[in-house]
Amino acid sequence: MTEMTATPHKRHGTASDYVQLMKPRIMMLVVFTAVAGLVAAQGVTGHGMNPLMAAIAVLAVALGSGAAGAINMWYDSDIDLIMKRTSTRPIPSGAVPRDEAIAMGLIMSGVSVMLMWLASNWLAAGLLALSIFYYGVVYTMWLKRSTPQNIVIGGGAGAFPPVIGWAAVTGHAPLDAWILFAIIFFWTPPHFWALSLLAHSEYEKAGVPMLPVTHGAKATRVQMLAYTVILIAVSMTPLATGLGGWIYAVVTAVLGLGFLSFAVRVWRSKAGDADAAPADMKLARSMFLFSILYLFLVFAALIVEHGAGLHFPLRGVA
C-alpha cells in the first residue's frame, strides 16, 4: 500500500462520521437504480412483490452499498490521507479507527446479504454479495492500484443494483436486467474520468494509476467521448426490447444529446492539461455533474413508466 506521508489529525468520531464511512452519496444512487430495477421488473412481468419484503430488499441493498464503502475507506485510508479531496474522511481525519471501519464493513456485508435472502431469494442475495466483493476486493484492493482501466473494469460493481432489484422480484436476471447493468457500466468511465481530469495531480501524488496520470489528459478526453457514444447507444436498447416506452425515449434522447455535447466540448478543450484554462476545468466539472443527472433521470423515467402505469412501448415492440 502507498506509504502515508502525513499523520492523521485525531478527533472524536460522531454519528455523522460513521455515516460518511458508508459513502451515502454513492449509496443513494445505488439504492435508486436498484429500485428502478425492482419497479421495472414488476411492470414488465406483472409479478408483484410484497411491499414490506420489497422495502427490506431495498434496505439490504443500502446496507450492502454502505458495507462496500466502509471496506473501501478502510483499505484506501493511506491514499485518502495523501489526497486533499479525501483527507477529511473519517479514517484519515482520525475520527474512526481502521479496525472499526473494517469490522463495520464485514458485519454490514453479512447482515445485508442475509436480509436480502430472507426478503427475496438466493439469486438476489448472491448478486448482492458479489457486488460487495467486486467493489470491496476486486476494484479497491486490486484494480484501483494496478491498472488505468480500474474504472472501466471496476464499473461493474456499481452496475449490479438494478439486476439485484430485478432478481429480488422475479428470481431471474433476464436480458432487460443486464441492459440496465450495461447502461451503468458504460456510464461510469465518462462520469469518473471527468472527475479524474480535475484531480489527476492528487491521484499522481498518491500513486493511483488513473487514466489521466498514466496516459495523459488528451487520451482521457478521447476515451470519454468514445464511452459516451457507446453509452448513448446502449441507453437506447430498452426501446428495442420494450423495456422503455415513449417517456423513456424522449428523456433518454434529450439527455443523450446533452451528454454528447458535453463530451465533445470536453474533448475539444484542454481540461486536465497543465495549461488548461479555468473555463476548461469548469467544463469538466459540469460534465461530471451532468452525468449524475443523466443517470438519475434515465432510471427515473423507467420508474415513472412502470410504477405509474405510463409504459407505452414504441410501435412495433411487444
Protein backbone atom coordinates (compact mmCIF):
# COMPACT_ATOMS: atom_id res chain seq x y z
CA MET A 1 0.00 0.00 0.00
CA THR A 2 1.09 3.58 -0.62
CA GLU A 3 3.15 4.91 2.28
CA MET A 4 1.46 7.62 4.29
CA THR A 5 3.16 11.00 4.12
CA ALA A 6 1.24 12.65 6.94
CA THR A 7 -0.15 11.84 10.34
CA PRO A 8 -3.94 11.98 10.67
CA HIS A 9 -5.29 14.66 12.97
CA LYS A 10 -7.06 12.94 15.86
CA ARG A 11 -10.60 13.97 16.72
CA HIS A 12 -13.63 12.37 18.27
CA GLY A 13 -15.87 10.42 15.93
CA THR A 14 -19.53 11.29 15.59
CA ALA A 15 -22.55 9.50 14.16
CA SER A 16 -22.02 11.56 11.01
CA ASP A 17 -18.51 10.13 10.63
CA TYR A 18 -19.84 6.58 10.62
CA VAL A 19 -22.50 7.57 8.09
CA GLN A 20 -19.82 9.13 5.88
CA LEU A 21 -17.88 5.89 6.13
CA MET A 22 -20.68 4.28 4.13
CA LYS A 23 -20.37 6.81 1.26
CA PRO A 24 -24.01 8.00 1.44
CA ARG A 25 -23.96 9.85 -1.89
CA ILE A 26 -22.99 6.70 -3.74
CA MET A 27 -25.47 4.75 -1.63
CA MET A 28 -28.35 6.98 -2.75
CA LEU A 29 -27.58 6.36 -6.41
CA VAL A 30 -27.15 2.64 -5.79
CA VAL A 31 -30.49 2.40 -3.99
CA PHE A 32 -32.24 4.45 -6.67
CA THR A 33 -31.05 2.23 -9.53
CA ALA A 34 -31.95 -0.88 -7.53
CA VAL A 35 -35.48 0.48 -7.03
CA ALA A 36 -35.66 1.15 -10.77
CA GLY A 37 -34.81 -2.48 -11.49
CA LEU A 38 -37.36 -3.67 -8.94
CA VAL A 39 -40.17 -1.46 -10.28
CA ALA A 40 -39.36 -2.22 -13.92
CA ALA A 41 -39.38 -5.96 -13.21
CA GLN A 42 -42.84 -5.71 -11.68
CA GLY A 43 -44.08 -3.65 -14.62
CA VAL A 44 -42.65 -5.95 -17.29
CA THR A 45 -43.53 -9.30 -15.72
CA GLY A 46 -46.72 -8.37 -13.88
CA HIS A 47 -45.34 -10.10 -10.79
CA GLY A 48 -45.81 -8.03 -7.66
CA MET A 49 -43.63 -8.10 -4.56
CA ASN A 50 -44.93 -7.75 -1.04
CA PRO A 51 -44.33 -4.08 -0.13
CA LEU A 52 -42.70 -4.97 3.19
CA MET A 53 -40.38 -7.51 1.56
CA ALA A 54 -39.57 -5.00 -1.17
CA ALA A 55 -38.67 -2.40 1.45
CA ILE A 56 -36.42 -4.90 3.23
CA ALA A 57 -34.76 -5.80 -0.08
CA VAL A 58 -34.05 -2.13 -0.76
CA LEU A 59 -32.69 -1.75 2.78
CA ALA A 60 -30.42 -4.73 2.13
CA VAL A 61 -29.06 -3.02 -0.98
CA ALA A 62 -28.43 0.16 1.02
CA LEU A 63 -26.61 -1.77 3.75
CA GLY A 64 -24.58 -3.66 1.14
CA SER A 65 -23.56 -0.40 -0.52
CA GLY A 66 -22.58 1.05 2.85
CA ALA A 67 -20.61 -2.07 3.69
CA ALA A 68 -18.64 -1.86 0.45
CA GLY A 69 -18.00 1.83 1.11
CA ALA A 70 -16.65 1.10 4.58
CA ILE A 71 -14.34 -1.61 3.26
CA ASN A 72 -13.15 0.76 0.55
CA MET A 73 -12.38 3.51 3.06
CA TRP A 74 -10.59 1.05 5.33
CA TYR A 75 -8.28 -0.15 2.58
CA ASP A 76 -7.78 3.24 0.94
CA SER A 77 -7.13 5.18 4.14
CA ASP A 78 -3.45 5.59 3.23
CA ILE A 79 -4.09 7.26 -0.12
CA ASP A 80 -7.07 9.16 1.27
CA LEU A 81 -4.68 10.81 3.72
CA ILE A 82 -2.40 11.96 0.90
CA MET A 83 -5.13 13.40 -1.34
CA LYS A 84 -6.53 16.78 -0.32
CA ARG A 85 -10.01 15.88 -1.60
CA THR A 86 -10.26 12.86 0.71
CA SER A 87 -8.03 13.83 3.65
CA THR A 88 -11.02 14.83 5.79
CA ARG A 89 -12.71 11.45 5.50
CA PRO A 90 -13.42 9.64 8.79
CA ILE A 91 -10.31 7.42 8.89
CA PRO A 92 -7.57 9.80 7.67
CA SER A 93 -9.02 12.54 9.89
CA GLY A 94 -8.58 10.25 12.89
CA ALA A 95 -12.30 10.13 13.74
CA VAL A 96 -12.80 6.40 13.06
CA PRO A 97 -10.16 3.71 13.74
CA ARG A 98 -9.35 1.43 10.80
CA ASP A 99 -10.25 -1.72 12.73
CA GLU A 100 -13.72 -0.33 13.48
CA ALA A 101 -14.22 0.51 9.81
CA ILE A 102 -13.40 -2.98 8.56
CA ALA A 103 -15.45 -4.59 11.31
CA MET A 104 -18.39 -2.40 10.37
CA GLY A 105 -17.98 -3.25 6.70
CA LEU A 106 -17.81 -7.00 7.23
CA ILE A 107 -20.73 -7.11 9.68
CA MET A 108 -22.92 -5.00 7.41
CA SER A 109 -21.99 -7.20 4.47
CA GLY A 110 -23.24 -10.30 6.24
CA VAL A 111 -26.40 -8.62 7.50
CA SER A 112 -27.27 -7.17 4.10
CA VAL A 113 -26.91 -10.47 2.26
CA MET A 114 -28.90 -12.33 4.91
CA LEU A 115 -31.70 -9.74 4.79
CA MET A 116 -31.86 -9.98 1.01
CA TRP A 117 -32.06 -13.76 1.13
CA LEU A 118 -34.86 -13.65 3.74
CA ALA A 119 -36.80 -10.96 1.86
CA SER A 120 -36.45 -12.35 -1.65
CA ASN A 121 -34.36 -15.24 -2.97
CA TRP A 122 -30.90 -16.72 -3.22
CA LEU A 123 -30.11 -15.15 -6.61
CA ALA A 124 -30.67 -11.59 -5.40
CA ALA A 125 -28.67 -12.34 -2.24
CA GLY A 126 -25.86 -13.88 -4.26
CA LEU A 127 -25.70 -10.92 -6.65
CA LEU A 128 -25.61 -8.54 -3.68
CA ALA A 129 -22.73 -10.49 -2.14
CA LEU A 130 -20.93 -10.46 -5.49
CA SER A 131 -21.35 -6.69 -5.85
CA ILE A 132 -19.91 -6.08 -2.37
CA PHE A 133 -16.96 -8.37 -3.12
CA TYR A 134 -16.43 -6.75 -6.52
CA TYR A 135 -16.22 -3.24 -5.11
CA GLY A 136 -14.50 -4.02 -1.83
CA VAL A 137 -11.95 -6.51 -3.14
CA VAL A 138 -11.71 -6.65 -6.94
CA TYR A 139 -11.85 -2.88 -7.51
CA THR A 140 -10.49 -1.46 -4.25
CA MET A 141 -7.75 -3.96 -3.45
CA TRP A 142 -6.69 -4.93 -6.96
CA LEU A 143 -7.80 -2.81 -9.91
CA LYS A 144 -7.60 0.68 -8.43
CA ARG A 145 -3.87 0.49 -7.75
CA SER A 146 -2.80 -1.73 -10.62
CA THR A 147 -4.32 -0.54 -13.91
CA PRO A 148 -5.56 2.66 -15.59
CA GLN A 149 -8.58 0.61 -16.65
CA ASN A 150 -9.60 0.41 -12.98
CA ILE A 151 -12.72 2.48 -13.52
CA VAL A 152 -13.75 0.60 -16.67
CA ILE A 153 -13.47 -2.91 -15.25
CA GLY A 154 -14.41 -1.85 -11.74
CA GLY A 155 -17.53 -0.14 -13.05
CA GLY A 156 -19.26 -3.48 -12.88
CA ALA A 157 -19.51 -3.13 -9.10
CA GLY A 158 -21.84 -0.15 -9.34
CA ALA A 159 -23.82 -1.67 -12.20
CA PHE A 160 -25.27 -4.60 -10.22
CA PRO A 161 -28.07 -2.81 -8.26
CA PRO A 162 -30.79 -2.84 -10.97
CA VAL A 163 -30.04 -6.52 -11.65
CA ILE A 164 -30.33 -7.21 -7.92
CA GLY A 165 -33.63 -5.34 -7.78
CA TRP A 166 -34.95 -7.30 -10.77
CA ALA A 167 -33.83 -10.62 -9.32
CA ALA A 168 -35.45 -9.79 -5.98
CA VAL A 169 -38.84 -9.62 -7.72
CA THR A 170 -38.59 -12.49 -10.18
CA GLY A 171 -35.76 -14.76 -9.04
CA HIS A 172 -34.25 -14.33 -12.51
CA ALA A 173 -31.92 -11.90 -14.27
CA PRO A 174 -33.09 -11.65 -17.91
CA LEU A 175 -31.69 -9.57 -20.76
CA ASP A 176 -33.55 -6.42 -19.73
CA ALA A 177 -31.89 -6.51 -16.31
CA TRP A 178 -28.45 -6.81 -17.87
CA ILE A 179 -29.23 -3.94 -20.24
CA LEU A 180 -29.68 -1.76 -17.15
CA PHE A 181 -26.36 -3.14 -15.91
CA ALA A 182 -24.74 -2.14 -19.21
CA ILE A 183 -26.10 1.41 -19.02
CA ILE A 184 -24.39 1.99 -15.66
CA PHE A 185 -21.26 0.13 -16.77
CA PHE A 186 -20.69 2.36 -19.81
CA TRP A 187 -21.78 5.48 -17.91
CA THR A 188 -19.07 5.04 -15.27
CA PRO A 189 -15.93 5.85 -17.36
CA PRO A 190 -17.00 9.26 -18.72
CA HIS A 191 -18.56 10.10 -15.35
CA PHE A 192 -15.49 9.30 -13.26
CA TRP A 193 -12.84 10.40 -15.76
CA ALA A 194 -14.44 13.86 -15.79
CA LEU A 195 -13.65 14.00 -12.07
CA SER A 196 -10.20 12.50 -12.64
CA LEU A 197 -9.32 15.33 -15.01
CA LEU A 198 -9.89 17.70 -12.11
CA ALA A 199 -7.95 15.66 -9.54
CA HIS A 200 -5.25 13.99 -11.67
CA SER A 201 -2.40 15.65 -9.73
CA GLU A 202 -3.84 14.29 -6.49
CA TYR A 203 -4.02 10.77 -7.92
CA GLU A 204 -0.47 11.10 -9.21
CA LYS A 205 0.76 12.18 -5.77
CA ALA A 206 -0.99 9.19 -4.18
CA GLY A 207 0.39 6.76 -6.77
CA VAL A 208 -3.02 5.78 -8.16
CA PRO A 209 -2.79 4.95 -11.92
CA MET A 210 -5.86 6.80 -13.10
CA LEU A 211 -6.00 7.23 -16.88
CA PRO A 212 -5.10 10.97 -16.88
CA VAL A 213 -1.99 10.09 -14.84
CA THR A 214 -0.78 7.19 -17.00
CA HIS A 215 -1.91 8.26 -20.47
CA GLY A 216 -2.45 11.99 -20.16
CA ALA A 217 -5.47 14.25 -20.26
CA LYS A 218 -5.82 14.22 -24.06
CA ALA A 219 -6.11 10.42 -24.25
CA THR A 220 -8.59 10.53 -21.38
CA ARG A 221 -10.78 13.06 -23.17
CA VAL A 222 -10.80 10.88 -26.29
CA GLN A 223 -11.89 7.83 -24.31
CA MET A 224 -14.53 9.86 -22.50
CA LEU A 225 -16.04 10.76 -25.87
CA ALA A 226 -15.87 7.15 -27.08
CA TYR A 227 -17.59 5.77 -23.98
CA THR A 228 -20.23 8.48 -24.14
CA VAL A 229 -21.14 7.42 -27.68
CA ILE A 230 -21.37 3.79 -26.56
CA LEU A 231 -23.45 4.81 -23.55
CA ILE A 232 -25.96 6.66 -25.68
CA ALA A 233 -26.35 3.64 -27.97
CA VAL A 234 -26.75 1.23 -25.05
CA SER A 235 -29.24 3.55 -23.35
CA MET A 236 -31.48 3.28 -26.40
CA THR A 237 -31.52 -0.52 -26.26
CA PRO A 238 -34.54 -0.70 -23.88
CA LEU A 239 -36.62 0.80 -26.69
CA ALA A 240 -35.88 -2.26 -28.84
CA THR A 241 -36.77 -4.78 -26.13
CA GLY A 242 -39.88 -2.95 -24.96
CA LEU A 243 -38.48 -2.19 -21.53
CA GLY A 244 -38.56 1.53 -22.30
CA GLY A 245 -41.57 3.38 -23.68
CA TRP A 246 -42.25 6.85 -25.07
CA ILE A 247 -41.37 8.70 -21.87
CA TYR A 248 -38.08 6.84 -21.65
CA ALA A 249 -37.41 7.51 -25.36
CA VAL A 250 -37.87 11.27 -25.04
CA VAL A 251 -35.93 11.58 -21.77
CA THR A 252 -33.03 9.45 -22.99
CA ALA A 253 -32.81 11.18 -26.37
CA VAL A 254 -32.71 14.68 -24.85
CA LEU A 255 -30.25 13.71 -22.14
CA GLY A 256 -28.11 11.78 -24.62
CA LEU A 257 -27.73 14.87 -26.78
CA GLY A 258 -26.76 16.86 -23.72
CA PHE A 259 -24.22 14.27 -22.61
CA LEU A 260 -22.75 14.07 -26.11
CA SER A 261 -22.50 17.86 -26.24
CA PHE A 262 -20.50 17.89 -23.01
CA ALA A 263 -18.27 15.04 -24.20
CA VAL A 264 -17.48 16.79 -27.50
CA ARG A 265 -16.74 20.09 -25.79
CA VAL A 266 -14.50 18.44 -23.19
CA TRP A 267 -12.74 16.51 -25.98
CA ARG A 268 -12.04 19.78 -27.80
CA SER A 269 -10.92 21.53 -24.61
CA LYS A 270 -7.67 21.30 -22.66
CA ALA A 271 -9.32 20.06 -19.47
CA GLY A 272 -6.71 18.27 -17.38
CA ASP A 273 -3.73 19.73 -19.27
CA ALA A 274 -1.13 21.79 -17.47
CA ASP A 275 -2.11 24.87 -19.48
CA ALA A 276 -5.87 24.34 -19.19
CA ALA A 277 -7.90 27.50 -18.76
CA PRO A 278 -10.30 27.77 -15.80
CA ALA A 279 -13.18 27.53 -18.27
CA ASP A 280 -11.88 24.14 -19.47
CA MET A 281 -11.74 22.77 -15.93
CA LYS A 282 -15.19 24.18 -15.21
CA LEU A 283 -16.45 22.35 -18.30
CA ALA A 284 -15.10 19.02 -17.00
CA ARG A 285 -16.78 19.64 -13.64
CA SER A 286 -20.05 20.48 -15.38
CA MET A 287 -19.86 17.23 -17.35
CA PHE A 288 -19.29 15.31 -14.11
CA LEU A 289 -22.37 16.90 -12.52
CA PHE A 290 -24.48 16.43 -15.66
CA SER A 291 -23.55 12.75 -15.78
CA ILE A 292 -25.15 12.27 -12.35
CA LEU A 293 -28.32 13.99 -13.54
CA TYR A 294 -28.27 11.83 -16.68
CA LEU A 295 -28.24 8.54 -14.81
CA PHE A 296 -30.83 9.72 -12.30
CA LEU A 297 -33.34 10.85 -14.94
CA VAL A 298 -32.85 7.85 -17.21
CA PHE A 299 -33.71 5.48 -14.39
CA ALA A 300 -36.41 7.83 -13.09
CA ALA A 301 -38.10 7.55 -16.49
CA LEU A 302 -38.31 3.77 -16.04
CA ILE A 303 -39.72 4.15 -12.54
CA VAL A 304 -42.38 6.58 -13.75
CA GLU A 305 -43.35 4.42 -16.72
CA HIS A 306 -43.60 1.13 -14.87
CA GLY A 307 -44.56 2.43 -11.45
CA ALA A 308 -47.29 4.82 -12.55
CA GLY A 309 -48.72 2.71 -15.37
CA LEU A 310 -47.43 5.06 -18.06
CA HIS A 311 -45.42 2.50 -20.01
CA PHE A 312 -46.35 2.73 -23.68
CA PRO A 313 -43.84 0.87 -25.88
CA LEU A 314 -42.91 2.28 -29.25
CA ARG A 315 -44.94 0.97 -32.18
CA GLY A 316 -43.90 -2.47 -33.36
CA VAL A 317 -42.48 -3.50 -29.99
CA ALA A 318 -44.47 -6.01 -27.95
